[in-house]
Amino acid sequence: MTRRPNIGPVPGLRLLAGFLMLAGLAGARTSAPAGRLVLDEPVPNPARGASVISYVAPPQSRVDLSVFDLQGRVVARLVDHSGAPGSGSVTWQANRPGVYVVRLEADGRIRTRKLVVSQ
């Protein structure tokens, strides 16, 4: 009989009422390989109000983090500056339910994520 190795608990995961939940992951990422551009999944998603949006960008790059509606209109500009630290987290409160696109741009590269907001 083959035995499985005892791996133990996995950090950031917990069982709650029969559902596997990711715990404490918003803003957990503090760095990425040099030059990487990373936009994490908004937490929670879908949301009923506020969501935390975390990102990693190359240090000292111009960072633009914005939220768009599906018609392409800018709904919120969350980060817009140069020389930003390599990572950050922003909490965004939607004014109305809908589907949004979160867009991160730095050094001419773009990453996007979908965010659903319900009532």
N, C-alpha and C. Protein backbone atom coordinates (compact mmCIF):
# COMPACT_ATOMS: atom_id res chain seq x y z
N MET A 1 0.84 -1.18 0.00
CA MET A 1 0.00 0.00 0.00
C MET A 1 0.89 1.24 0.00
N THR A 2 0.61 2.19 -0.90
CA THR A 2 1.38 3.42 -1.01
C THR A 2 0.81 4.46 -0.07
N ARG A 3 1.71 5.09 0.67
CA ARG A 3 1.28 6.15 1.60
C ARG A 3 1.50 7.51 0.98
N ARG A 4 0.57 8.40 1.19
CA ARG A 4 0.73 9.78 0.74
C ARG A 4 1.53 10.54 1.78
N PRO A 5 2.37 11.48 1.35
CA PRO A 5 3.09 12.28 2.33
C PRO A 5 2.12 13.17 3.09
N ASN A 6 2.41 13.42 4.34
CA ASN A 6 1.59 14.30 5.16
C ASN A 6 2.00 15.74 4.86
N ILE A 7 1.18 16.44 4.11
CA ILE A 7 1.50 17.79 3.67
C ILE A 7 1.12 18.81 4.74
N GLY A 8 0.07 18.59 5.48
CA GLY A 8 -0.37 19.53 6.50
C GLY A 8 -1.25 20.61 5.92
N PRO A 9 -1.64 21.59 6.75
CA PRO A 9 -2.53 22.64 6.27
C PRO A 9 -1.84 23.54 5.25
N VAL A 10 -2.64 24.05 4.33
CA VAL A 10 -2.13 24.96 3.30
C VAL A 10 -2.45 26.38 3.74
N PRO A 11 -1.43 27.27 3.85
CA PRO A 11 -1.69 28.64 4.26
C PRO A 11 -2.67 29.33 3.31
N GLY A 12 -3.59 30.11 3.88
CA GLY A 12 -4.54 30.86 3.07
C GLY A 12 -5.80 30.11 2.71
N LEU A 13 -5.90 28.82 3.07
CA LEU A 13 -7.10 28.04 2.77
C LEU A 13 -7.75 27.60 4.06
N ARG A 14 -9.07 27.64 4.10
CA ARG A 14 -9.78 27.12 5.26
C ARG A 14 -11.14 26.59 4.81
N LEU A 15 -11.67 25.68 5.58
CA LEU A 15 -12.96 25.09 5.27
C LEU A 15 -14.01 25.79 6.12
N LEU A 16 -15.03 26.33 5.49
CA LEU A 16 -16.07 27.06 6.19
C LEU A 16 -17.42 26.59 5.70
N ALA A 17 -18.18 25.97 6.58
CA ALA A 17 -19.53 25.49 6.25
C ALA A 17 -19.53 24.64 4.99
N GLY A 18 -18.51 23.79 4.83
CA GLY A 18 -18.46 22.89 3.70
C GLY A 18 -17.91 23.48 2.43
N PHE A 19 -17.50 24.76 2.45
CA PHE A 19 -16.95 25.41 1.28
C PHE A 19 -15.49 25.74 1.52
N LEU A 20 -14.67 25.56 0.52
CA LEU A 20 -13.27 25.92 0.62
C LEU A 20 -13.14 27.41 0.34
N MET A 21 -12.60 28.14 1.29
CA MET A 21 -12.49 29.60 1.17
C MET A 21 -11.02 30.01 1.13
N LEU A 22 -10.72 31.02 0.34
CA LEU A 22 -9.39 31.62 0.36
C LEU A 22 -9.42 32.72 1.40
N ALA A 23 -8.51 32.64 2.37
CA ALA A 23 -8.51 33.61 3.46
C ALA A 23 -7.24 34.44 3.44
N GLY A 24 -7.41 35.72 3.63
CA GLY A 24 -6.26 36.60 3.80
C GLY A 24 -5.40 36.77 2.57
N LEU A 25 -5.96 36.65 1.37
CA LEU A 25 -5.13 36.76 0.18
C LEU A 25 -5.10 38.17 -0.40
N ALA A 26 -6.04 39.01 -0.03
CA ALA A 26 -6.04 40.37 -0.58
C ALA A 26 -4.82 41.12 -0.06
N GLY A 27 -4.04 41.60 -0.98
CA GLY A 27 -2.86 42.35 -0.59
C GLY A 27 -1.73 41.48 -0.08
N ALA A 28 -1.87 40.16 -0.17
CA ALA A 28 -0.86 39.26 0.38
C ALA A 28 0.41 39.27 -0.45
N ARG A 29 0.30 39.54 -1.73
CA ARG A 29 1.47 39.53 -2.59
C ARG A 29 2.25 40.82 -2.36
N THR A 30 3.53 40.70 -2.10
CA THR A 30 4.34 41.88 -1.85
C THR A 30 5.38 42.09 -2.93
N SER A 31 5.69 41.08 -3.71
CA SER A 31 6.67 41.25 -4.77
C SER A 31 6.44 40.22 -5.85
N ALA A 32 7.03 40.46 -6.98
CA ALA A 32 6.99 39.53 -8.10
C ALA A 32 8.36 39.56 -8.74
N PRO A 33 8.67 38.60 -9.58
CA PRO A 33 9.96 38.65 -10.26
C PRO A 33 10.17 40.02 -10.93
N ALA A 34 11.41 40.46 -10.96
CA ALA A 34 11.74 41.78 -11.50
C ALA A 34 11.09 42.01 -12.86
N GLY A 35 10.47 43.17 -13.01
CA GLY A 35 9.88 43.53 -14.28
C GLY A 35 8.50 42.97 -14.54
N ARG A 36 7.97 42.13 -13.65
CA ARG A 36 6.63 41.55 -13.87
C ARG A 36 5.55 42.55 -13.59
N LEU A 37 4.45 42.40 -14.31
CA LEU A 37 3.26 43.21 -14.10
C LEU A 37 2.14 42.24 -13.75
N VAL A 38 1.59 42.36 -12.55
CA VAL A 38 0.59 41.41 -12.06
C VAL A 38 -0.61 42.18 -11.52
N LEU A 39 -1.79 41.79 -11.96
CA LEU A 39 -3.04 42.32 -11.43
C LEU A 39 -3.79 41.14 -10.84
N ASP A 40 -3.94 41.14 -9.52
CA ASP A 40 -4.63 40.04 -8.85
C ASP A 40 -6.14 40.14 -9.06
N GLU A 41 -6.82 39.02 -8.91
CA GLU A 41 -8.28 38.97 -8.97
C GLU A 41 -8.84 39.86 -7.86
N PRO A 42 -9.79 40.75 -8.17
CA PRO A 42 -10.41 41.54 -7.10
C PRO A 42 -11.06 40.63 -6.06
N VAL A 43 -10.99 41.05 -4.80
CA VAL A 43 -11.53 40.25 -3.70
C VAL A 43 -12.50 41.11 -2.92
N PRO A 44 -13.76 40.72 -2.70
CA PRO A 44 -14.40 39.54 -3.28
C PRO A 44 -14.86 39.83 -4.72
N ASN A 45 -15.10 38.77 -5.43
CA ASN A 45 -15.60 38.87 -6.81
C ASN A 45 -16.44 37.63 -7.09
N PRO A 46 -17.75 37.75 -7.22
CA PRO A 46 -18.54 38.98 -7.28
C PRO A 46 -18.60 39.68 -5.92
N ALA A 47 -18.85 40.99 -5.97
CA ALA A 47 -18.89 41.83 -4.78
C ALA A 47 -20.28 42.40 -4.59
N ARG A 48 -20.58 42.75 -3.35
CA ARG A 48 -21.84 43.44 -3.04
C ARG A 48 -21.59 44.90 -2.67
N GLY A 49 -20.37 45.31 -2.80
CA GLY A 49 -20.01 46.69 -2.46
C GLY A 49 -18.54 46.89 -2.77
N ALA A 50 -17.74 46.98 -1.71
CA ALA A 50 -16.32 47.25 -1.88
C ALA A 50 -15.54 45.99 -2.28
N SER A 51 -14.52 46.19 -3.12
CA SER A 51 -13.58 45.14 -3.51
C SER A 51 -12.17 45.66 -3.32
N VAL A 52 -11.27 44.76 -2.96
CA VAL A 52 -9.85 45.11 -2.83
C VAL A 52 -9.15 44.65 -4.10
N ILE A 53 -8.42 45.56 -4.72
CA ILE A 53 -7.70 45.28 -5.95
C ILE A 53 -6.21 45.43 -5.65
N SER A 54 -5.45 44.35 -5.83
CA SER A 54 -4.02 44.35 -5.54
C SER A 54 -3.24 44.18 -6.84
N TYR A 55 -2.06 44.80 -6.88
CA TYR A 55 -1.24 44.73 -8.09
C TYR A 55 0.24 44.75 -7.73
N VAL A 56 1.05 44.31 -8.68
CA VAL A 56 2.51 44.42 -8.60
C VAL A 56 2.97 44.99 -9.93
N ALA A 57 3.78 46.04 -9.88
CA ALA A 57 4.32 46.67 -11.08
C ALA A 57 5.82 46.87 -10.89
N PRO A 58 6.55 47.00 -11.98
CA PRO A 58 7.98 47.26 -11.84
C PRO A 58 8.19 48.55 -11.04
N PRO A 59 9.12 48.55 -10.08
CA PRO A 59 9.36 49.77 -9.30
C PRO A 59 9.74 50.94 -10.20
N GLN A 60 9.34 52.13 -9.79
CA GLN A 60 9.65 53.38 -10.49
C GLN A 60 9.00 53.48 -11.87
N SER A 61 7.98 52.69 -12.14
CA SER A 61 7.28 52.80 -13.42
C SER A 61 6.05 53.68 -13.25
N ARG A 62 5.51 54.15 -14.36
CA ARG A 62 4.25 54.90 -14.33
C ARG A 62 3.13 53.88 -14.24
N VAL A 63 2.30 54.01 -13.23
CA VAL A 63 1.23 53.05 -12.96
C VAL A 63 -0.12 53.73 -13.14
N ASP A 64 -1.01 53.09 -13.90
CA ASP A 64 -2.37 53.57 -14.09
C ASP A 64 -3.30 52.40 -13.81
N LEU A 65 -4.09 52.50 -12.74
CA LEU A 65 -5.07 51.48 -12.38
C LEU A 65 -6.44 52.12 -12.44
N SER A 66 -7.27 51.63 -13.38
CA SER A 66 -8.58 52.25 -13.61
C SER A 66 -9.66 51.19 -13.70
N VAL A 67 -10.90 51.63 -13.49
CA VAL A 67 -12.07 50.77 -13.61
C VAL A 67 -12.94 51.32 -14.73
N PHE A 68 -13.36 50.44 -15.64
CA PHE A 68 -14.19 50.82 -16.79
C PHE A 68 -15.52 50.07 -16.74
N ASP A 69 -16.58 50.70 -17.28
CA ASP A 69 -17.82 49.97 -17.49
C ASP A 69 -17.73 49.26 -18.84
N LEU A 70 -18.75 48.50 -19.19
CA LEU A 70 -18.69 47.72 -20.43
C LEU A 70 -18.86 48.56 -21.69
N GLN A 71 -19.18 49.85 -21.53
CA GLN A 71 -19.22 50.74 -22.68
C GLN A 71 -17.86 51.41 -22.89
N GLY A 72 -16.87 51.08 -22.06
CA GLY A 72 -15.53 51.62 -22.20
C GLY A 72 -15.30 52.95 -21.51
N ARG A 73 -16.27 53.40 -20.71
CA ARG A 73 -16.12 54.66 -19.98
C ARG A 73 -15.36 54.44 -18.69
N VAL A 74 -14.48 55.38 -18.36
CA VAL A 74 -13.75 55.31 -17.09
C VAL A 74 -14.73 55.60 -15.96
N VAL A 75 -14.86 54.66 -15.04
CA VAL A 75 -15.74 54.82 -13.89
C VAL A 75 -14.95 55.35 -12.70
N ALA A 76 -13.70 54.89 -12.57
CA ALA A 76 -12.84 55.34 -11.47
C ALA A 76 -11.38 55.21 -11.88
N ARG A 77 -10.59 56.20 -11.51
CA ARG A 77 -9.14 56.12 -11.68
C ARG A 77 -8.58 55.94 -10.27
N LEU A 78 -8.07 54.74 -9.99
CA LEU A 78 -7.66 54.38 -8.63
C LEU A 78 -6.21 54.74 -8.34
N VAL A 79 -5.34 54.56 -9.31
CA VAL A 79 -3.92 54.90 -9.16
C VAL A 79 -3.48 55.55 -10.47
N ASP A 80 -2.79 56.67 -10.38
CA ASP A 80 -2.29 57.34 -11.58
C ASP A 80 -1.08 58.18 -11.18
N HIS A 81 0.09 57.54 -11.13
CA HIS A 81 1.30 58.28 -10.79
C HIS A 81 2.56 57.54 -11.21
N SER A 82 3.66 58.26 -11.23
CA SER A 82 4.96 57.70 -11.58
C SER A 82 5.77 57.47 -10.31
N GLY A 83 6.75 56.60 -10.43
CA GLY A 83 7.63 56.35 -9.30
C GLY A 83 6.96 55.65 -8.15
N ALA A 84 5.89 54.92 -8.46
CA ALA A 84 5.13 54.22 -7.42
C ALA A 84 5.93 53.05 -6.88
N PRO A 85 5.68 52.68 -5.64
CA PRO A 85 6.28 51.45 -5.13
C PRO A 85 5.89 50.27 -6.01
N GLY A 86 6.59 49.17 -5.90
CA GLY A 86 6.36 48.02 -6.76
C GLY A 86 5.02 47.33 -6.58
N SER A 87 4.34 47.54 -5.45
CA SER A 87 3.07 46.87 -5.25
C SER A 87 2.11 47.77 -4.49
N GLY A 88 0.84 47.42 -4.57
CA GLY A 88 -0.16 48.20 -3.85
C GLY A 88 -1.50 47.51 -3.84
N SER A 89 -2.37 47.97 -2.96
CA SER A 89 -3.74 47.50 -2.87
C SER A 89 -4.65 48.71 -2.72
N VAL A 90 -5.78 48.66 -3.42
CA VAL A 90 -6.74 49.76 -3.38
C VAL A 90 -8.12 49.16 -3.14
N THR A 91 -8.90 49.81 -2.29
CA THR A 91 -10.29 49.40 -2.08
C THR A 91 -11.18 50.29 -2.92
N TRP A 92 -12.05 49.66 -3.73
CA TRP A 92 -12.96 50.41 -4.58
C TRP A 92 -14.40 50.07 -4.22
N GLN A 93 -15.22 51.09 -4.04
CA GLN A 93 -16.64 50.95 -3.73
C GLN A 93 -17.44 51.31 -4.96
N ALA A 94 -18.15 50.34 -5.53
CA ALA A 94 -18.97 50.60 -6.72
C ALA A 94 -20.22 51.39 -6.34
N ASN A 95 -20.62 52.30 -7.22
CA ASN A 95 -21.84 53.08 -6.99
C ASN A 95 -23.10 52.35 -7.42
N ARG A 96 -22.94 51.41 -8.35
CA ARG A 96 -24.11 50.69 -8.85
C ARG A 96 -23.70 49.29 -9.27
N PRO A 97 -24.64 48.34 -9.29
CA PRO A 97 -24.32 46.98 -9.73
C PRO A 97 -23.99 46.96 -11.21
N GLY A 98 -23.20 45.97 -11.61
CA GLY A 98 -22.85 45.82 -13.01
C GLY A 98 -21.58 45.01 -13.18
N VAL A 99 -21.15 44.92 -14.42
CA VAL A 99 -19.90 44.23 -14.75
C VAL A 99 -18.89 45.30 -15.13
N TYR A 100 -17.71 45.22 -14.54
CA TYR A 100 -16.68 46.21 -14.75
C TYR A 100 -15.38 45.53 -15.20
N VAL A 101 -14.51 46.31 -15.82
CA VAL A 101 -13.19 45.84 -16.20
C VAL A 101 -12.17 46.67 -15.41
N VAL A 102 -11.32 45.97 -14.65
CA VAL A 102 -10.24 46.62 -13.93
C VAL A 102 -9.01 46.53 -14.82
N ARG A 103 -8.36 47.66 -15.07
CA ARG A 103 -7.23 47.71 -16.02
C ARG A 103 -6.01 48.31 -15.36
N LEU A 104 -4.90 47.56 -15.41
CA LEU A 104 -3.61 48.02 -14.89
C LEU A 104 -2.67 48.22 -16.06
N GLU A 105 -2.05 49.41 -16.15
CA GLU A 105 -1.08 49.67 -17.20
C GLU A 105 0.20 50.20 -16.57
N ALA A 106 1.34 49.64 -17.00
CA ALA A 106 2.65 50.11 -16.55
C ALA A 106 3.67 49.73 -17.61
N ASP A 107 4.57 50.64 -17.91
CA ASP A 107 5.63 50.40 -18.91
C ASP A 107 5.09 49.90 -20.25
N GLY A 108 3.93 50.41 -20.66
CA GLY A 108 3.36 50.02 -21.95
C GLY A 108 2.70 48.65 -21.97
N ARG A 109 2.66 47.97 -20.82
CA ARG A 109 1.99 46.66 -20.72
C ARG A 109 0.68 46.82 -19.98
N ILE A 110 -0.28 45.96 -20.31
CA ILE A 110 -1.62 46.06 -19.75
C ILE A 110 -2.08 44.71 -19.22
N ARG A 111 -2.73 44.72 -18.06
CA ARG A 111 -3.39 43.54 -17.50
C ARG A 111 -4.82 43.95 -17.15
N THR A 112 -5.77 43.03 -17.36
CA THR A 112 -7.17 43.32 -17.04
C THR A 112 -7.78 42.19 -16.22
N ARG A 113 -8.80 42.54 -15.47
CA ARG A 113 -9.61 41.58 -14.72
C ARG A 113 -11.06 42.03 -14.78
N LYS A 114 -11.96 41.06 -14.75
CA LYS A 114 -13.39 41.35 -14.71
C LYS A 114 -13.82 41.41 -13.26
N LEU A 115 -14.71 42.37 -12.94
CA LEU A 115 -15.27 42.50 -11.61
C LEU A 115 -16.78 42.62 -11.72
N VAL A 116 -17.49 41.74 -11.04
CA VAL A 116 -18.95 41.76 -11.04
C VAL A 116 -19.42 42.31 -9.70
N VAL A 117 -20.31 43.31 -9.77
CA VAL A 117 -20.87 43.92 -8.56
C VAL A 117 -22.37 43.69 -8.58
N SER A 118 -22.88 43.07 -7.52
CA SER A 118 -24.32 42.82 -7.42
C SER A 118 -24.92 43.72 -6.35
N GLN A 119 -26.25 43.73 -6.29
CA GLN A 119 -26.92 44.59 -5.30
C GLN A 119 -26.83 44.02 -3.92
